[in-house]
Amino acid sequence: MMLSTNRGTSATSLQRATIHDPIVSDQTMPQLAIALDPLLMQLHFQSLLFGNSGITAAASATDYEVHTCEVVRVKYRAGEKCVISYRLQIQKRRSNRLIEQWLSARLFPTGTAASRYHKALREPLTPPPFGDAVMFLPKLDMVIWAFPNDRKIGGLPALLAAAAHETDQLDALVAGRWGATTIIVAHDYRLIHYVPEHTCTVREQLLLADTTTGQTWPATLFAKAYYNEEGAETFRLMQQLWQRAACRQGHLRIAQPIAYCAVDQVLWQEGLPGHTLLTYALGTPAFDELLAEAAQAVAWLHTADLPCQRQSAQQEWVNLIDQRKQLVIQSRPHLAGAVDTLAVALRCLTPSISGAPMATLHGDLHLQNFLVDDDAAAGKRVALIDLDNLCTGMPWQDLGSFCAGLYYRGLVDHVPQSLIHRSIDGFLQSYATSVPWPLDRGAINWYTAAALLHERAFRSIARMKEGRLALVDDLVRIATDLLLGQL
């Protein structure tokens, strides 16, 4: 089963994009450096996919070669595991045709991978285009799943079958959304986002027609497969939010939920037009104008009072600070004193929850979860997307995470900190005009500092993106200055 994506990059750019900094020296996983080297892994996958075994009936060992290998995503936990997703471009010899194949690999501490491999072989598996559904590299203590096989996301094959219109599910979804006389004239689906062992999102672009009038129109659906039951809670809350006055009156734009398939753990929703707020230049007046509208969307969500089963407790943040500071210190030993001091200050200055308002939180608030429709003729242009983490908690948590994301993005894009401060002030001022409670800037600064450490600094290390490790020093500095009132 083949699946195209929305990315097109040259082999040279792929190789440049996948050179990783030497993040940590982990004695339990000495193979980590090799696993993160795309050129070395290209050789390993060439042998694994097109050696003497694992060849599909349609592909002999001499027909194909791994043209490029890209390390797309890394999730690392020191001393325990490392999950890596690879995107391969496979080329048929004497042909310019490139076929994409995704692999998700899990590194285990030395000597522990073989039993995991044999366990994986006992699970239901789907034959991939090349190689075996599950593969094993003993020298690297690496177990590899070939897409659409995944260690935890069991509904992937069913999702792709529905997206390819190989089942009746897509027809039923269309009929339920647009009426029984609506049919699918044409369709195309693409892989949009894949996080191994967590979620996979597919975009379905449709051309629909009404059999009674002959009218045709385009439509877009997104389907997201989960590794657990979280999609059911997300669908339930999205349905309730969709019915709220804020959405009906256009104050808050979200994607319309369509259906949730409990058997496959897949959520379907209608697509929204636009680009993420991340695509706009930070620090510019145009960006700040959109940011003000984004703040109002957050305010409408915070006051929605949804019956969330999930709760975000302040103590969870304190616990994360203690847990994640260890990886920061391990990766940047020269920061040990500064990180320890920051962690102690965060614990000592924990804001009081007495009298703090409770709100419906987004739970993962950053620039990529705002969608801007520049072609909107009237009304709100900014929509909130990716509502998987809706929960109840203090609003300062969302605001702190978002502000930390702005500081981080300012460092990545080399935007002067003064402009980031202006954007943050504008965002918070706009938010304050749309909520019934006064801002607690001290609490917001605390959550911003905490998020800079346990979200931004931690992810800069754990996801092992090129150039991100060098940002950790500045992230710790900004967090400390916030707590000391020097920003």
Foldseek 3Di string as FASTA:
>chain_A
DAFAAPDDDDQVVQQVFQDFDPQFCALQQNLVVQVSRFVSVQVVVLCQFQNPDFFDPVDHSQFKGFPGKHFDWWFDDGPAKIKTKIWTWMDTPPDPDTTIKMKIKMAGGQPPLPVVQVVLVPDDFDQDNIGGQWDADNVRSMIMGIPPDAPQQPLSVVVVCVLVVVDCVVVVLCCQVPNNQKDFPDKGKHWYDDDGNAKTKMKIKTWMAGNVPRDIDIWIKMKMTGSDLLLVLLLVQLQVVCPDPCNVVQLADEWAWRDADRVNRMTMTTDDDFAFLLVDDALDPVSLVLLLSVLSNQLCQFAPPTPHPAADDPVVLLVLLVVLLVSLCSRPVVCVVLSVVLSVLLVVPQDDCVPADKTFHQQQDERRQWGADPPDPDGRGIHGYDSSGTHIDGVLLNLLLHLLRLVLVCVVVVPDVVSSVVSSVSSVVSNQVRHPDHDDLLNSLSSNLSCLRSPQQSCLSRGRGHPSPVCNVVSSVSSVCSSVVND
